């Protein structure tokens, strides 16, 4: 049985891969292990309502791969940073170039989706968004179930807040993909 490394001091992405499943999700930020509790029902419901239509659209058109919440993306080395968005999209060309990867996916997804939990602070969420963007994500979506909003980040300055009556348009990242936000938070 693998031993969970202490949460102080740096570890590598390879050590992170060997951490046993214990009901928690872990990310690695600049070599520091971050333990995250399982999410609640509202978080899971909103994540599923975003993921379902996205998976159907991407797979029906052969556009790439949608990855679920536990998929780690290694976005920095020495010290290592491995983040796991709630949903991610990588285009077909890159998926084909990478092949079938056992470990963490190298680089950032083109689209990263983060669904906030009640325990997430604004600064933690903002930090994650900036890490994704700096690593090369072309779009980061933050869904906030409490506020019933989706914030779309394309850069540090290109930020748009959407409400339930709006349409999320990811067509430049995922050809033809638009999602009505009506019902995503109900």
C-alpha atoms as a PDB file:
ATOM      1  CA  UNK A   1       0.000   0.000   0.000  1.00  0.00           C
ATOM      2  CA  UNK A   2       1.309   3.442  -0.929  1.00  0.00           C
ATOM      3  CA  UNK A   3       1.789   5.975   1.796  1.00  0.00           C
ATOM      4  CA  UNK A   4       0.265   9.431   1.428  1.00  0.00           C
ATOM      5  CA  UNK A   5       3.085  11.958   1.445  1.00  0.00           C
ATOM      6  CA  UNK A   6       2.882  14.754   4.009  1.00  0.00           C
ATOM      7  CA  UNK A   7       1.088  17.896   2.897  1.00  0.00           C
ATOM      8  CA  UNK A   8       4.121  19.999   3.664  1.00  0.00           C
ATOM      9  CA  UNK A   9       7.160  20.040   1.436  1.00  0.00           C
ATOM     10  CA  UNK A  10       7.269  19.504  -2.297  1.00  0.00           C
ATOM     11  CA  UNK A  11       6.266  16.324  -4.092  1.00  0.00           C
ATOM     12  CA  UNK A  12       6.321  15.439  -7.777  1.00  0.00           C
ATOM     13  CA  UNK A  13       3.540  14.552 -10.193  1.00  0.00           C
ATOM     14  CA  UNK A  14       4.841  10.962 -10.193  1.00  0.00           C
ATOM     15  CA  UNK A  15       4.388  10.786  -6.405  1.00  0.00           C
ATOM     16  CA  UNK A  16       0.901  12.257  -6.788  1.00  0.00           C
ATOM     17  CA  UNK A  17      -0.016   9.428  -9.181  1.00  0.00           C
ATOM     18  CA  UNK A  18       0.864   6.866  -6.488  1.00  0.00           C
ATOM     19  CA  UNK A  19      -1.362   8.323  -3.766  1.00  0.00           C
ATOM     20  CA  UNK A  20      -4.012   5.705  -2.902  1.00  0.00           C
ATOM     21  CA  UNK A  21      -7.698   6.412  -3.372  1.00  0.00           C
ATOM     22  CA  UNK A  22      -9.045   7.526  -0.018  1.00  0.00           C
ATOM     23  CA  UNK A  23     -12.242   9.404  -0.890  1.00  0.00           C
ATOM     24  CA  UNK A  24     -10.456  12.702  -1.459  1.00  0.00           C
ATOM     25  CA  UNK A  25      -9.277  14.420  -4.611  1.00  0.00           C
ATOM     26  CA  UNK A  26      -5.765  15.832  -4.706  1.00  0.00           C
ATOM     27  CA  UNK A  27      -4.173  18.502  -6.831  1.00  0.00           C
ATOM     28  CA  UNK A  28      -0.577  19.629  -6.875  1.00  0.00           C
ATOM     29  CA  UNK A  29       0.203  23.353  -6.932  1.00  0.00           C
ATOM     30  CA  UNK A  30       3.849  24.234  -7.369  1.00  0.00           C
ATOM     31  CA  UNK A  31       4.859  20.969  -5.711  1.00  0.00           C
ATOM     32  CA  UNK A  32       2.484  21.350  -2.746  1.00  0.00           C
ATOM     33  CA  UNK A  33      -0.229  18.721  -2.283  1.00  0.00           C
ATOM     34  CA  UNK A  34      -3.748  20.139  -1.962  1.00  0.00           C
ATOM     35  CA  UNK A  35      -6.392  17.833  -0.474  1.00  0.00           C
ATOM     36  CA  UNK A  36      -9.982  18.468  -1.529  1.00  0.00           C
ATOM     37  CA  UNK A  37     -13.116  17.011   0.016  1.00  0.00           C
ATOM     38  CA  UNK A  38     -15.722  15.204  -2.058  1.00  0.00           C
ATOM     39  CA  UNK A  39     -18.305  17.626  -3.459  1.00  0.00           C
ATOM     40  CA  UNK A  40     -21.950  17.909  -2.515  1.00  0.00           C
ATOM     41  CA  UNK A  41     -25.135  17.198  -4.424  1.00  0.00           C
ATOM     42  CA  UNK A  42     -25.655  20.627  -5.967  1.00  0.00           C
ATOM     43  CA  UNK A  43     -22.085  20.690  -7.274  1.00  0.00           C
ATOM     44  CA  UNK A  44     -22.494  17.224  -8.792  1.00  0.00           C
ATOM     45  CA  UNK A  45     -25.838  18.094 -10.383  1.00  0.00           C
ATOM     46  CA  UNK A  46     -24.532  21.278 -12.020  1.00  0.00           C
ATOM     47  CA  UNK A  47     -21.379  19.498 -13.218  1.00  0.00           C
ATOM     48  CA  UNK A  48     -23.471  16.719 -14.799  1.00  0.00           C
ATOM     49  CA  UNK A  49     -25.785  19.215 -16.511  1.00  0.00           C
ATOM     50  CA  UNK A  50     -22.790  20.927 -18.082  1.00  0.00           C
ATOM     51  CA  UNK A  51     -20.956  17.692 -18.914  1.00  0.00           C
ATOM     52  CA  UNK A  52     -23.822  15.711 -20.504  1.00  0.00           C
ATOM     53  CA  UNK A  53     -24.620  18.002 -23.434  1.00  0.00           C
ATOM     54  CA  UNK A  54     -20.911  18.707 -23.980  1.00  0.00           C
ATOM     55  CA  UNK A  55     -20.056  14.988 -24.218  1.00  0.00           C
ATOM     56  CA  UNK A  56     -22.941  14.361 -26.626  1.00  0.00           C
ATOM     57  CA  UNK A  57     -21.931  17.252 -28.893  1.00  0.00           C
ATOM     58  CA  UNK A  58     -18.202  16.460 -28.943  1.00  0.00           C
ATOM     59  CA  UNK A  59     -18.565  12.715 -29.476  1.00  0.00           C
ATOM     60  CA  UNK A  60     -21.319  12.953 -32.095  1.00  0.00           C
ATOM     61  CA  UNK A  61     -19.040  15.152 -34.209  1.00  0.00           C
ATOM     62  CA  UNK A  62     -15.690  13.533 -33.423  1.00  0.00           C
ATOM     63  CA  UNK A  63     -14.288  16.840 -32.166  1.00  0.00           C
ATOM     64  CA  UNK A  64     -11.985  15.515 -29.470  1.00  0.00           C
ATOM     65  CA  UNK A  65     -12.268  14.244 -25.919  1.00  0.00           C
ATOM     66  CA  UNK A  66     -14.188  15.419 -22.874  1.00  0.00           C
ATOM     67  CA  UNK A  67     -12.571  14.471 -19.565  1.00  0.00           C
ATOM     68  CA  UNK A  68     -14.272  14.029 -16.197  1.00  0.00           C
ATOM     69  CA  UNK A  69     -13.454  15.623 -12.860  1.00  0.00           C
ATOM     70  CA  UNK A  70     -10.743  13.284 -11.675  1.00  0.00           C
ATOM     71  CA  UNK A  71      -8.540  13.755 -14.749  1.00  0.00           C
ATOM     72  CA  UNK A  72      -5.270  15.480 -13.916  1.00  0.00           C
ATOM     73  CA  UNK A  73      -3.526  17.878 -16.276  1.00  0.00           C
ATOM     74  CA  UNK A  74       0.147  18.550 -15.613  1.00  0.00           C
ATOM     75  CA  UNK A  75       0.507  22.227 -16.453  1.00  0.00           C
ATOM     76  CA  UNK A  76       3.916  23.020 -14.940  1.00  0.00           C
ATOM     77  CA  UNK A  77       7.154  21.289 -13.951  1.00  0.00           C
ATOM     78  CA  UNK A  78       9.894  21.880 -11.385  1.00  0.00           C
ATOM     79  CA  UNK A  79       7.941  22.363  -9.187  1.00  0.00           C
ATOM     80  CA  UNK A  80       5.061  20.347 -10.626  1.00  0.00           C
ATOM     81  CA  UNK A  81       1.501  21.605 -10.872  1.00  0.00           C
ATOM     82  CA  UNK A  82      -1.302  19.136 -11.619  1.00  0.00           C
ATOM     83  CA  UNK A  83      -4.880  20.406 -11.647  1.00  0.00           C
ATOM     84  CA  UNK A  84      -8.116  18.491 -12.201  1.00  0.00           C
ATOM     85  CA  UNK A  85     -10.987  20.598 -13.543  1.00  0.00           C
ATOM     86  CA  UNK A  86     -14.567  19.443 -13.103  1.00  0.00           C
ATOM     87  CA  UNK A  87     -14.838  19.085 -16.897  1.00  0.00           C
ATOM     88  CA  UNK A  88     -12.236  19.497 -19.644  1.00  0.00           C
ATOM     89  CA  UNK A  89     -12.113  19.424 -23.438  1.00  0.00           C
ATOM     90  CA  UNK A  90      -9.102  18.620 -25.611  1.00  0.00           C
ATOM     91  CA  UNK A  91      -9.439  18.817 -29.423  1.00  0.00           C
ATOM     92  CA  UNK A  92      -9.098  15.698 -31.584  1.00  0.00           C
ATOM     93  CA  UNK A  93      -5.747  16.644 -33.160  1.00  0.00           C
ATOM     94  CA  UNK A  94      -4.074  16.942 -29.759  1.00  0.00           C
ATOM     95  CA  UNK A  95      -5.753  13.767 -28.457  1.00  0.00           C
ATOM     96  CA  UNK A  96      -4.416  11.864 -31.482  1.00  0.00           C
ATOM     97  CA  UNK A  97      -0.920  13.308 -30.975  1.00  0.00           C
ATOM     98  CA  UNK A  98      -0.913  12.329 -27.277  1.00  0.00           C
ATOM     99  CA  UNK A  99      -2.312   8.846 -27.737  1.00  0.00           C
ATOM    100  CA  UNK A 100      -3.879   6.952 -24.843  1.00  0.00           C
ATOM    101  CA  UNK A 101      -2.192   8.328 -21.729  1.00  0.00           C
ATOM    102  CA  UNK A 102      -2.133   6.388 -18.456  1.00  0.00           C
ATOM    103  CA  UNK A 103      -0.814   9.245 -16.314  1.00  0.00           C
ATOM    104  CA  UNK A 104      -1.576  12.925 -16.199  1.00  0.00           C
ATOM    105  CA  UNK A 105      -2.319  14.705 -19.460  1.00  0.00           C
ATOM    106  CA  UNK A 106       0.516  17.071 -20.395  1.00  0.00           C
ATOM    107  CA  UNK A 107      -0.510  20.701 -20.786  1.00  0.00           C
ATOM    108  CA  UNK A 108      -3.789  22.478 -20.252  1.00  0.00           C
ATOM    109  CA  UNK A 109      -7.097  21.559 -21.877  1.00  0.00           C
ATOM    110  CA  UNK A 110      -8.490  24.035 -24.414  1.00  0.00           C
ATOM    111  CA  UNK A 111     -11.562  24.314 -22.176  1.00  0.00           C
ATOM    112  CA  UNK A 112     -11.505  23.907 -18.392  1.00  0.00           C
ATOM    113  CA  UNK A 113     -14.711  24.027 -16.366  1.00  0.00           C
ATOM    114  CA  UNK A 114     -14.692  24.645 -12.626  1.00  0.00           C
ATOM    115  CA  UNK A 115     -17.892  24.353 -10.583  1.00  0.00           C
ATOM    116  CA  UNK A 116     -17.554  26.167  -7.271  1.00  0.00           C
ATOM    117  CA  UNK A 117     -18.374  24.562  -3.932  1.00  0.00           C
ATOM    118  CA  UNK A 118     -19.509  26.452  -0.817  1.00  0.00           C
ATOM    119  CA  UNK A 119     -16.018  26.053   0.670  1.00  0.00           C
ATOM    120  CA  UNK A 120     -14.229  27.571  -2.363  1.00  0.00           C
ATOM    121  CA  UNK A 121     -12.966  31.087  -1.783  1.00  0.00           C
ATOM    122  CA  UNK A 122     -12.923  33.700  -4.539  1.00  0.00           C
ATOM    123  CA  UNK A 123      -9.132  33.935  -4.372  1.00  0.00           C
ATOM    124  CA  UNK A 124      -8.725  30.137  -4.719  1.00  0.00           C
ATOM    125  CA  UNK A 125     -11.040  30.057  -7.718  1.00  0.00           C
ATOM    126  CA  UNK A 126      -9.387  33.076  -9.318  1.00  0.00           C
ATOM    127  CA  UNK A 127      -5.966  31.501  -8.771  1.00  0.00           C
ATOM    128  CA  UNK A 128      -7.083  28.340 -10.552  1.00  0.00           C
ATOM    129  CA  UNK A 129      -8.526  30.322 -13.454  1.00  0.00           C
ATOM    130  CA  UNK A 130      -5.266  32.234 -13.871  1.00  0.00           C
ATOM    131  CA  UNK A 131      -3.227  29.010 -13.735  1.00  0.00           C
ATOM    132  CA  UNK A 132      -5.367  27.486 -16.489  1.00  0.00           C
ATOM    133  CA  UNK A 133      -5.084  30.572 -18.678  1.00  0.00           C
ATOM    134  CA  UNK A 134      -1.334  30.921 -18.143  1.00  0.00           C
ATOM    135  CA  UNK A 135      -0.892  27.226 -18.995  1.00  0.00           C
ATOM    136  CA  UNK A 136      -2.687  27.668 -22.324  1.00  0.00           C
ATOM    137  CA  UNK A 137      -6.399  27.056 -21.795  1.00  0.00           C
ATOM    138  CA  UNK A 138      -8.309  29.086 -24.357  1.00  0.00           C
ATOM    139  CA  UNK A 139     -11.438  29.275 -22.214  1.00  0.00           C
ATOM    140  CA  UNK A 140     -12.117  28.716 -18.523  1.00  0.00           C
ATOM    141  CA  UNK A 141     -15.688  28.503 -17.297  1.00  0.00           C
ATOM    142  CA  UNK A 142     -16.571  28.969 -13.635  1.00  0.00           C
ATOM    143  CA  UNK A 143     -20.084  27.845 -12.736  1.00  0.00           C
ATOM    144  CA  UNK A 144     -21.351  29.195  -9.423  1.00  0.00           C
ATOM    145  CA  UNK A 145     -24.426  27.252  -8.225  1.00  0.00           C
ATOM    146  CA  UNK A 146     -25.068  29.706  -5.367  1.00  0.00           C
ATOM    147  CA  UNK A 147     -25.208  32.786  -7.619  1.00  0.00           C
ATOM    148  CA  UNK A 148     -26.613  30.825 -10.574  1.00  0.00           C
ATOM    149  CA  UNK A 149     -24.015  32.365 -12.872  1.00  0.00           C
ATOM    150  CA  UNK A 150     -21.380  31.178 -15.290  1.00  0.00           C
ATOM    151  CA  UNK A 151     -18.309  33.332 -15.717  1.00  0.00           C
ATOM    152  CA  UNK A 152     -16.388  32.838 -18.954  1.00  0.00           C
ATOM    153  CA  UNK A 153     -12.702  33.745 -18.942  1.00  0.00           C
ATOM    154  CA  UNK A 154     -10.780  33.987 -22.207  1.00  0.00           C
ATOM    155  CA  UNK A 155      -7.944  36.045 -20.712  1.00  0.00           C
ATOM    156  CA  UNK A 156      -7.241  38.124 -17.607  1.00  0.00           C
ATOM    157  CA  UNK A 157      -9.307  40.932 -19.121  1.00  0.00           C
ATOM    158  CA  UNK A 158     -11.812  39.177 -21.410  1.00  0.00           C
ATOM    159  CA  UNK A 159     -14.366  38.070 -18.814  1.00  0.00           C
ATOM    160  CA  UNK A 160     -18.113  37.677 -19.294  1.00  0.00           C
ATOM    161  CA  UNK A 161     -20.745  36.792 -16.680  1.00  0.00           C
ATOM    162  CA  UNK A 162     -23.759  34.822 -17.904  1.00  0.00           C
ATOM    163  CA  UNK A 163     -27.072  34.255 -16.133  1.00  0.00           C
ATOM    164  CA  UNK A 164     -29.732  31.573 -16.474  1.00  0.00           C
ATOM    165  CA  UNK A 165     -31.448  33.293 -19.409  1.00  0.00           C
ATOM    166  CA  UNK A 166     -28.200  33.378 -21.427  1.00  0.00           C
ATOM    167  CA  UNK A 167     -26.562  31.007 -23.899  1.00  0.00           C
ATOM    168  CA  UNK A 168     -23.012  29.778 -23.340  1.00  0.00           C
ATOM    169  CA  UNK A 169     -21.272  29.897 -26.727  1.00  0.00           C
ATOM    170  CA  UNK A 170     -18.054  27.871 -27.029  1.00  0.00           C
ATOM    171  CA  UNK A 171     -18.172  27.711 -30.835  1.00  0.00           C
ATOM    172  CA  UNK A 172     -14.664  29.046 -31.346  1.00  0.00           C
ATOM    173  CA  UNK A 173     -13.236  26.342 -29.039  1.00  0.00           C
ATOM    174  CA  UNK A 174     -15.706  23.534 -29.761  1.00  0.00           C
ATOM    175  CA  UNK A 175     -17.258  24.047 -33.208  1.00  0.00           C
ATOM    176  CA  UNK A 176     -21.025  24.534 -33.033  1.00  0.00           C
ATOM    177  CA  UNK A 177     -21.291  24.122 -29.254  1.00  0.00           C
ATOM    178  CA  UNK A 178     -23.851  26.306 -27.506  1.00  0.00           C
ATOM    179  CA  UNK A 179     -25.550  25.560 -24.192  1.00  0.00           C
ATOM    180  CA  UNK A 180     -28.717  27.189 -22.901  1.00  0.00           C
ATOM    181  CA  UNK A 181     -28.175  27.894 -19.215  1.00  0.00           C
ATOM    182  CA  UNK A 182     -31.887  27.549 -18.464  1.00  0.00           C
ATOM    183  CA  UNK A 183     -32.182  24.587 -16.114  1.00  0.00           C
ATOM    184  CA  UNK A 184     -28.456  24.157 -15.445  1.00  0.00           C
ATOM    185  CA  UNK A 185     -28.846  25.373 -11.856  1.00  0.00           C
ATOM    186  CA  UNK A 186     -32.373  24.120 -11.040  1.00  0.00           C
END
